[in-house]
């Protein structure tokens, strides 16, 4: 981050305190104090020349949870600035009227409908629109834009599989051939040169990060993979639904999408690519009475002669240099509390009581590493910036 130089003059009772050339990053300042040290402040003057952001960003679908999370993360990003925000049902409104916690973000543009958006002052796009609506919109965007799509519209490489699981034909097959799947730690090199990145789903992120290295190393069998996954309610989106009402969800657990959740083909695609053969999983997701967070409990059969220590060491080697994926100390159980609000994925491996099997537990924040945080990580890479830029948030606890 470039140092922003500013000067201030603070007049205290009977004295003047001058701070000049104070640099935010380097802390290089000169202090001259004279007269009384009384702390009754008469006047505080601060002048700050705001630096123009290098990358102009459009945010499509800003009024959903993932869009709001993008705004939160970009608030402290030194290079990315939002110049266009769309929200068709809230067009003409300010962002703080939709999400009051953004009242301090006075530089955000007014929301417009997607059809009225002007992309002439835009370098990159975060697309947070619902699946089924994104393909036509992205197809109509200027060709020079870098795009990260958070919907499911470009995640599946086989467009016939997309039609099977999403119930409609793919409307941009040419773009699908161009799209790069954005599981950052696994496909970083491909993302660097991509124009269009399909950001992974939340469940697939939490599941593929531990399993892909183990499959590539031939440490686990490709059969009998069982995944029990649980998500905070924000994973179901912001739309008003009876099933998501407080009284429907609180003090209980609800399984949904049993045998037919749309993340299944995405997970199987990633695992099959790693295995170079078809991998089929048993996957059941659940909604938990919490706003955000995700845990995937994964039950695997180890290859002949392999131990849980082998699995642990492979994950340790795979992620030892990764900032956002952390293998915990042996025996430590990952908790969603410990990654809340952050871009981290915590994981660990445990021996099952059944010989030859192991249990892997992986946790993420479904809105950050499972969506907007990974999207920002990907766009950082696409634009040539350090991938952790704007993502240095510690987990929020308690």
Protein backbone atom coordinates (compact mmCIF):
# COMPACT_ATOMS: atom_id res chain seq x y z
CA UNK A 1 0.00 0.00 0.00
CA UNK A 2 1.32 3.40 -0.90
CA UNK A 3 1.97 5.63 2.07
CA UNK A 4 -0.65 8.36 2.28
CA UNK A 5 1.01 11.50 3.54
CA UNK A 6 -1.04 13.95 5.49
CA UNK A 7 -0.48 16.77 7.94
CA UNK A 8 -2.50 17.78 10.93
CA UNK A 9 -2.52 20.64 13.40
CA UNK A 10 -3.95 20.04 16.85
CA UNK A 11 -4.46 23.12 19.04
CA UNK A 12 -4.43 22.28 22.71
CA UNK A 13 -5.16 24.61 25.59
CA UNK A 14 -2.33 27.16 25.47
CA UNK A 15 -0.21 25.10 23.11
CA UNK A 16 0.13 23.84 19.58
CA UNK A 17 1.01 20.29 18.59
CA UNK A 18 2.14 19.92 15.02
CA UNK A 19 2.43 16.56 13.30
CA UNK A 20 3.98 16.73 9.84
CA UNK A 21 4.70 14.18 7.18
CA UNK A 22 2.95 11.43 9.10
CA UNK A 23 2.99 8.36 6.95
CA UNK A 24 0.44 5.70 7.62
CA UNK A 25 2.65 2.82 6.68
CA UNK A 26 6.04 3.88 7.92
CA UNK A 27 5.15 5.88 10.98
CA UNK A 28 7.77 8.55 10.15
CA UNK A 29 6.71 11.68 12.02
CA UNK A 30 8.16 14.76 13.69
CA UNK A 31 6.67 16.16 16.88
CA UNK A 32 7.08 19.66 18.23
CA UNK A 33 5.37 20.32 21.55
CA UNK A 34 5.35 23.62 23.39
CA UNK A 35 3.54 25.18 26.35
CA UNK A 36 0.95 23.42 28.46
CA UNK A 37 0.20 19.72 28.13
CA UNK A 38 -3.47 20.16 28.99
CA UNK A 39 -5.70 17.81 26.95
CA UNK A 40 -8.66 20.09 26.28
CA UNK A 41 -8.77 20.03 22.48
CA UNK A 42 -9.80 23.26 20.78
CA UNK A 43 -9.34 22.27 17.19
CA UNK A 44 -8.24 19.29 15.12
CA UNK A 45 -7.52 19.78 11.45
CA UNK A 46 -6.67 16.86 9.19
CA UNK A 47 -6.15 17.08 5.44
CA UNK A 48 -5.89 13.87 3.52
CA UNK A 49 -5.49 13.59 -0.23
CA UNK A 50 -7.32 10.42 -1.21
CA UNK A 51 -5.39 8.30 -3.65
CA UNK A 52 -7.11 7.34 -6.88
CA UNK A 53 -7.61 3.56 -7.06
CA UNK A 54 -5.78 1.81 -9.89
CA UNK A 55 -8.48 -0.74 -10.74
CA UNK A 56 -12.07 0.37 -11.31
CA UNK A 57 -14.52 -2.33 -10.29
CA UNK A 58 -18.15 -2.98 -11.18
CA UNK A 59 -20.19 -5.01 -8.70
CA UNK A 60 -23.24 -6.68 -10.26
CA UNK A 61 -25.81 -7.87 -7.74
CA UNK A 62 -24.64 -5.66 -4.89
CA UNK A 63 -27.73 -6.08 -2.71
CA UNK A 64 -27.15 -9.76 -1.87
CA UNK A 65 -24.96 -11.16 0.88
CA UNK A 66 -22.00 -11.92 -1.38
CA UNK A 67 -22.20 -8.47 -2.95
CA UNK A 68 -22.24 -6.83 0.46
CA UNK A 69 -19.26 -8.92 1.50
CA UNK A 70 -17.33 -7.74 -1.56
CA UNK A 71 -17.96 -4.15 -0.48
CA UNK A 72 -16.76 -4.90 3.06
CA UNK A 73 -13.54 -6.46 1.78
CA UNK A 74 -12.84 -3.71 -0.76
CA UNK A 75 -13.27 -0.96 1.84
CA UNK A 76 -9.60 -1.39 2.80
CA UNK A 77 -8.24 -2.48 -0.57
CA UNK A 78 -5.51 -0.09 -1.73
CA UNK A 79 -5.90 -0.77 -5.47
CA UNK A 80 -9.55 -1.66 -6.16
CA UNK A 81 -12.29 0.97 -6.10
CA UNK A 82 -15.98 0.45 -6.89
CA UNK A 83 -17.29 2.68 -9.68
CA UNK A 84 -20.50 0.82 -10.63
CA UNK A 85 -22.97 -1.15 -8.48
CA UNK A 86 -26.13 -2.79 -9.75
CA UNK A 87 -29.23 -4.05 -7.96
CA UNK A 88 -32.29 -4.11 -10.20
CA UNK A 89 -34.92 -4.10 -7.45
CA UNK A 90 -33.08 -1.38 -5.52
CA UNK A 91 -32.04 0.82 -8.45
CA UNK A 92 -31.78 4.48 -7.48
CA UNK A 93 -31.07 3.74 -3.82
CA UNK A 94 -27.89 4.28 -1.84
CA UNK A 95 -26.13 1.21 -0.50
CA UNK A 96 -26.62 2.24 3.13
CA UNK A 97 -30.40 2.25 2.57
CA UNK A 98 -30.15 -1.44 1.64
CA UNK A 99 -27.45 -2.35 4.17
CA UNK A 100 -27.36 0.27 6.96
CA UNK A 101 -23.95 -0.90 8.17
CA UNK A 102 -22.43 0.80 5.09
CA UNK A 103 -23.46 4.29 6.23
CA UNK A 104 -19.79 5.26 6.68
CA UNK A 105 -18.92 4.31 3.09
CA UNK A 106 -19.80 7.66 1.55
CA UNK A 107 -17.91 7.12 -1.72
CA UNK A 108 -20.01 4.19 -2.93
CA UNK A 109 -21.93 4.88 -6.15
CA UNK A 110 -25.73 4.83 -6.24
CA UNK A 111 -27.26 1.50 -7.20
CA UNK A 112 -28.44 1.20 -10.81
CA UNK A 113 -30.20 -1.49 -12.81
CA UNK A 114 -27.91 -3.80 -14.77
CA UNK A 115 -29.34 -2.54 -18.07
CA UNK A 116 -28.39 1.05 -17.12
CA UNK A 117 -24.85 0.26 -15.97
CA UNK A 118 -22.06 2.12 -17.76
CA UNK A 119 -18.94 -0.03 -18.12
CA UNK A 120 -16.82 2.62 -19.82
CA UNK A 121 -15.18 3.46 -16.49
CA UNK A 122 -14.59 -0.16 -15.43
CA UNK A 123 -11.59 -2.51 -15.54
CA UNK A 124 -12.94 -5.56 -13.71
CA UNK A 125 -16.27 -7.06 -12.66
CA UNK A 126 -17.52 -9.08 -9.70
CA UNK A 127 -20.76 -10.75 -10.78
CA UNK A 128 -22.93 -11.75 -7.81
CA UNK A 129 -26.15 -12.42 -9.72
CA UNK A 130 -28.29 -15.58 -9.35
CA UNK A 131 -27.51 -18.58 -11.53
CA UNK A 132 -29.34 -18.62 -14.81
CA UNK A 133 -29.13 -14.85 -15.23
CA UNK A 134 -25.39 -14.41 -15.48
CA UNK A 135 -24.53 -16.01 -18.82
CA UNK A 136 -26.40 -13.52 -21.00
CA UNK A 137 -25.15 -10.55 -18.98
CA UNK A 138 -21.49 -11.57 -19.06
CA UNK A 139 -21.79 -12.36 -22.76
CA UNK A 140 -22.82 -8.73 -23.31
CA UNK A 141 -19.98 -7.14 -21.33
CA UNK A 142 -17.01 -5.43 -23.04
CA UNK A 143 -14.40 -8.03 -24.02
CA UNK A 144 -11.50 -6.32 -22.27
CA UNK A 145 -12.91 -6.69 -18.75
CA UNK A 146 -11.58 -9.15 -16.19
CA UNK A 147 -14.54 -10.99 -14.65
CA UNK A 148 -15.03 -13.11 -11.55
CA UNK A 149 -18.45 -14.76 -11.55
CA UNK A 150 -19.76 -15.89 -8.17
CA UNK A 151 -22.79 -17.69 -9.61
CA UNK A 152 -22.78 -21.32 -10.74
CA UNK A 153 -23.22 -20.43 -14.41
CA UNK A 154 -19.65 -21.16 -15.53
CA UNK A 155 -18.47 -23.73 -12.98
CA UNK A 156 -19.41 -26.89 -14.87
CA UNK A 157 -17.20 -27.64 -17.85
CA UNK A 158 -19.81 -29.91 -19.46
CA UNK A 159 -22.73 -27.72 -20.60
CA UNK A 160 -25.03 -30.77 -20.85
CA UNK A 161 -24.35 -31.42 -17.18
CA UNK A 162 -25.25 -27.80 -16.44
CA UNK A 163 -28.60 -28.28 -18.19
CA UNK A 164 -29.22 -31.51 -16.29
CA UNK A 165 -28.65 -29.98 -12.84
CA UNK A 166 -29.90 -26.43 -13.41
CA UNK A 167 -32.88 -27.20 -15.62
CA UNK A 168 -32.08 -24.90 -18.54
CA UNK A 169 -29.70 -24.82 -21.50
CA UNK A 170 -26.39 -23.03 -21.18
CA UNK A 171 -26.68 -19.67 -22.99
CA UNK A 172 -22.97 -18.92 -23.45
CA UNK A 173 -21.15 -22.15 -24.45
CA UNK A 174 -18.29 -20.21 -26.06
CA UNK A 175 -17.62 -18.39 -22.80
CA UNK A 176 -17.81 -21.69 -20.91
CA UNK A 177 -14.84 -22.95 -22.93
CA UNK A 178 -12.91 -19.86 -21.87
CA UNK A 179 -13.87 -19.90 -18.18
CA UNK A 180 -11.28 -21.01 -15.60
CA UNK A 181 -12.46 -22.65 -12.38
CA UNK A 182 -11.24 -20.47 -9.52
CA UNK A 183 -10.20 -22.79 -6.69
CA UNK A 184 -7.27 -20.53 -5.94
CA UNK A 185 -4.78 -22.76 -4.13
CA UNK A 186 -5.26 -25.57 -6.67
CA UNK A 187 -5.48 -23.65 -9.97
CA UNK A 188 -3.47 -20.50 -9.28
CA UNK A 189 -1.41 -20.64 -12.48
CA UNK A 190 -4.48 -20.98 -14.71
CA UNK A 191 -6.18 -18.09 -12.92
CA UNK A 192 -3.25 -15.74 -13.61
CA UNK A 193 -3.97 -15.54 -17.32
CA UNK A 194 -7.77 -15.92 -17.18
CA UNK A 195 -10.24 -13.31 -18.38
CA UNK A 196 -13.28 -15.07 -16.87
CA UNK A 197 -13.04 -17.00 -13.59
CA UNK A 198 -15.87 -19.14 -12.26
CA UNK A 199 -15.65 -18.70 -8.51
CA UNK A 200 -16.28 -22.01 -6.69
CA UNK A 201 -19.29 -22.69 -4.51
CA UNK A 202 -18.95 -22.71 -0.74
CA UNK A 203 -19.42 -26.45 -0.18
CA UNK A 204 -17.08 -27.38 -3.07
CA UNK A 205 -14.39 -25.10 -1.65
CA UNK A 206 -14.49 -26.65 1.81
CA UNK A 207 -14.49 -30.17 0.34
CA UNK A 208 -12.02 -29.95 -2.54
CA UNK A 209 -9.27 -28.15 -0.61
CA UNK A 210 -8.60 -31.18 1.64
CA UNK A 211 -9.50 -33.92 -0.85
CA UNK A 212 -7.75 -32.84 -4.07
CA UNK A 213 -4.17 -33.16 -2.70
CA UNK A 214 -4.98 -36.58 -1.21
CA UNK A 215 -6.50 -37.86 -4.45
CA UNK A 216 -3.58 -36.54 -6.52
CA UNK A 217 -1.17 -38.38 -4.21
CA UNK A 218 -3.21 -41.62 -4.52
CA UNK A 219 -3.64 -41.79 -0.75
CA UNK A 220 -7.41 -42.34 -0.67
CA UNK A 221 -9.80 -44.53 -2.63
CA UNK A 222 -12.06 -42.86 -5.16
CA UNK A 223 -15.09 -44.74 -3.88
CA UNK A 224 -17.11 -44.56 -0.67
CA UNK A 225 -16.44 -40.84 -0.06
CA UNK A 226 -19.15 -39.60 2.30
CA UNK A 227 -19.58 -35.90 3.06
CA UNK A 228 -21.77 -34.43 5.77
CA UNK A 229 -21.72 -30.64 5.40
CA UNK A 230 -23.35 -27.86 7.41
CA UNK A 231 -23.81 -24.20 6.50
CA UNK A 232 -24.99 -20.99 8.08
CA UNK A 233 -28.31 -19.66 6.76
CA UNK A 234 -26.64 -16.91 4.69
CA UNK A 235 -25.64 -19.72 2.33
CA UNK A 236 -29.28 -19.90 1.25
CA UNK A 237 -29.21 -16.27 0.08
CA UNK A 238 -31.08 -13.14 1.14
CA UNK A 239 -34.40 -13.86 -0.53
CA UNK A 240 -37.48 -14.17 1.68
CA UNK A 241 -38.33 -17.87 2.02
CA UNK A 242 -40.56 -19.58 4.58
CA UNK A 243 -37.95 -22.30 5.12
CA UNK A 244 -35.41 -19.65 6.17
CA UNK A 245 -37.57 -17.87 8.74
CA UNK A 246 -36.21 -17.67 12.29
CA UNK A 247 -38.91 -19.90 13.72
CA UNK A 248 -38.33 -22.49 10.99
CA UNK A 249 -34.57 -22.74 11.60
CA UNK A 250 -33.76 -21.84 15.17
CA UNK A 251 -33.11 -24.64 17.67
CA UNK A 252 -32.93 -27.19 14.89
CA UNK A 253 -31.03 -28.59 11.91
CA UNK A 254 -32.51 -28.94 8.43
CA UNK A 255 -31.16 -31.23 5.72
CA UNK A 256 -31.89 -30.06 2.18
CA UNK A 257 -31.07 -30.97 -1.40
CA UNK A 258 -30.70 -34.58 -0.31
CA UNK A 259 -29.16 -36.56 -3.23
CA UNK A 260 -29.76 -33.62 -5.60
CA UNK A 261 -27.87 -30.58 -4.34
CA UNK A 262 -26.45 -28.61 -7.27
CA UNK A 263 -22.95 -28.52 -5.80
CA UNK A 264 -22.63 -32.30 -6.30
CA UNK A 265 -21.53 -32.15 -9.97
CA UNK A 266 -19.10 -29.33 -9.17
CA UNK A 267 -17.47 -31.35 -6.38
CA UNK A 268 -17.35 -34.51 -8.48
CA UNK A 269 -15.88 -32.57 -11.41
CA UNK A 270 -12.98 -31.29 -9.30
CA UNK A 271 -12.28 -34.64 -7.67
CA UNK A 272 -12.53 -36.47 -11.01
CA UNK A 273 -10.08 -34.04 -12.62
CA UNK A 274 -7.65 -34.72 -9.78
CA UNK A 275 -8.12 -38.49 -10.08
CA UNK A 276 -8.17 -38.60 -13.91
CA UNK A 277 -11.17 -40.90 -13.53
CA UNK A 278 -14.79 -40.58 -12.50
CA UNK A 279 -15.34 -39.96 -8.77
CA UNK A 280 -18.83 -40.21 -7.28
CA UNK A 281 -19.61 -38.96 -3.78
CA UNK A 282 -22.37 -39.23 -1.22
CA UNK A 283 -23.15 -35.65 -0.12
CA UNK A 284 -25.77 -34.27 2.24
CA UNK A 285 -25.89 -30.57 3.21
CA UNK A 286 -27.63 -29.09 6.24
CA UNK A 287 -28.67 -25.59 7.29
CA UNK A 288 -27.64 -24.61 10.80
CA UNK A 289 -29.17 -21.87 12.99
CA UNK A 290 -26.20 -19.51 12.55
CA UNK A 291 -25.72 -16.64 10.14
CA UNK A 292 -22.41 -17.70 8.60
CA UNK A 293 -19.89 -20.51 8.73
CA UNK A 294 -19.48 -23.93 7.13
CA UNK A 295 -18.15 -27.29 8.23
CA UNK A 296 -17.61 -30.34 6.05
CA UNK A 297 -17.05 -33.67 7.77
CA UNK A 298 -15.57 -36.00 5.16
CA UNK A 299 -15.29 -39.78 5.56
CA UNK A 300 -12.79 -41.52 3.28
CA UNK A 301 -11.31 -44.95 2.70
CA UNK A 302 -7.52 -44.92 2.62
CA UNK A 303 -5.53 -46.70 -0.06
CA UNK A 304 -3.87 -49.98 0.91
CA UNK A 305 -1.03 -49.46 3.38
CA UNK A 306 -1.82 -45.76 3.92
CA UNK A 307 -2.28 -44.31 7.42
CA UNK A 308 -3.87 -41.12 8.73
CA UNK A 309 -0.33 -39.89 9.39
CA UNK A 310 0.31 -40.13 5.63
CA UNK A 311 -2.79 -38.04 4.96
CA UNK A 312 -1.73 -35.47 7.54
CA UNK A 313 1.78 -35.16 6.11
CA UNK A 314 0.49 -34.80 2.54
CA UNK A 315 -1.82 -31.95 3.54
CA UNK A 316 1.02 -30.38 5.52
CA UNK A 317 3.31 -30.42 2.48
CA UNK A 318 0.54 -29.23 0.15
CA UNK A 319 -0.40 -26.20 2.21
CA UNK A 320 2.68 -25.32 4.24
CA UNK A 321 3.32 -22.20 2.14
CA UNK A 322 -0.32 -21.18 1.76
CA UNK A 323 -1.54 -18.16 3.70
CA UNK A 324 -5.22 -18.99 3.80
CA UNK A 325 -5.30 -22.79 4.18
CA UNK A 326 -4.15 -24.05 7.55
CA UNK A 327 -3.67 -27.63 8.74
CA UNK A 328 -4.15 -27.54 12.50
CA UNK A 329 -1.98 -29.30 15.06
CA UNK A 330 -2.74 -32.98 15.45
CA UNK A 331 -5.85 -33.64 17.49
CA UNK A 332 -7.20 -30.07 17.24
CA UNK A 333 -10.78 -30.01 15.95
CA UNK A 334 -11.52 -27.16 13.47
CA UNK A 335 -14.40 -24.87 14.50
CA UNK A 336 -16.42 -22.46 12.38
CA UNK A 337 -16.04 -19.86 15.16
CA UNK A 338 -12.31 -19.71 14.45
CA UNK A 339 -12.63 -18.65 10.79
CA UNK A 340 -15.67 -16.36 11.03
CA UNK A 341 -15.30 -13.23 8.89
CA UNK A 342 -11.96 -14.37 7.44
CA UNK A 343 -10.64 -15.93 4.24
CA UNK A 344 -9.14 -18.92 6.06
CA UNK A 345 -9.82 -22.61 5.67
CA UNK A 346 -8.86 -24.71 8.70
CA UNK A 347 -8.67 -28.49 8.41
CA UNK A 348 -7.49 -31.60 10.19
CA UNK A 349 -7.40 -35.39 9.84
CA UNK A 350 -8.51 -37.99 12.37
CA UNK A 351 -8.39 -41.82 12.40
CA UNK A 352 -11.80 -43.47 12.15
CA UNK A 353 -12.74 -46.31 14.47
CA UNK A 354 -13.30 -48.38 11.34
CA UNK A 355 -9.91 -49.72 10.21
CA UNK A 356 -8.66 -48.26 6.94
CA UNK A 357 -10.87 -45.17 7.10
CA UNK A 358 -10.20 -41.56 8.10
CA UNK A 359 -12.25 -38.50 8.97
CA UNK A 360 -11.34 -35.06 7.60
CA UNK A 361 -12.91 -31.92 9.02
CA UNK A 362 -12.73 -28.65 7.09
CA UNK A 363 -14.20 -25.27 8.09
CA UNK A 364 -14.58 -21.96 6.26
CA UNK A 365 -16.69 -18.82 6.38
CA UNK A 366 -19.18 -19.53 3.58
CA UNK A 367 -19.38 -15.83 2.64
CA UNK A 368 -15.63 -15.20 2.58
CA UNK A 369 -13.45 -18.16 1.57
CA UNK A 370 -16.63 -19.79 0.28
CA UNK A 371 -17.56 -16.80 -1.89
CA UNK A 372 -16.46 -13.15 -1.83
CA UNK A 373 -13.04 -13.60 -0.20
CA UNK A 374 -11.95 -16.22 -2.70
CA UNK A 375 -13.37 -14.02 -5.48
CA UNK A 376 -11.16 -11.15 -4.33
CA UNK A 377 -8.20 -13.51 -4.00
CA UNK A 378 -8.77 -14.53 -7.62
CA UNK A 379 -9.15 -11.00 -8.98
CA UNK A 380 -5.96 -9.96 -7.16
CA UNK A 381 -4.14 -12.71 -9.06
CA UNK A 382 -5.79 -11.81 -12.38
CA UNK A 383 -4.77 -8.15 -12.01
CA UNK A 384 -1.21 -8.93 -10.92
CA UNK A 385 -1.45 -7.90 -7.26
CA UNK A 386 -0.47 -9.99 -4.21
CA UNK A 387 -3.38 -12.35 -3.70
CA UNK A 388 -3.76 -11.51 -0.01
CA UNK A 389 -4.38 -7.81 -0.72
CA UNK A 390 -7.50 -6.63 1.11
CA UNK A 391 -7.89 -10.00 2.83
CA UNK A 392 -5.86 -9.45 5.99
CA UNK A 393 -8.89 -9.71 8.28
CA UNK A 394 -8.40 -11.81 11.39
CA UNK A 395 -11.26 -14.13 12.29
CA UNK A 396 -13.95 -12.46 14.40
CA UNK A 397 -14.31 -14.14 17.80
CA UNK A 398 -16.40 -14.37 19.89
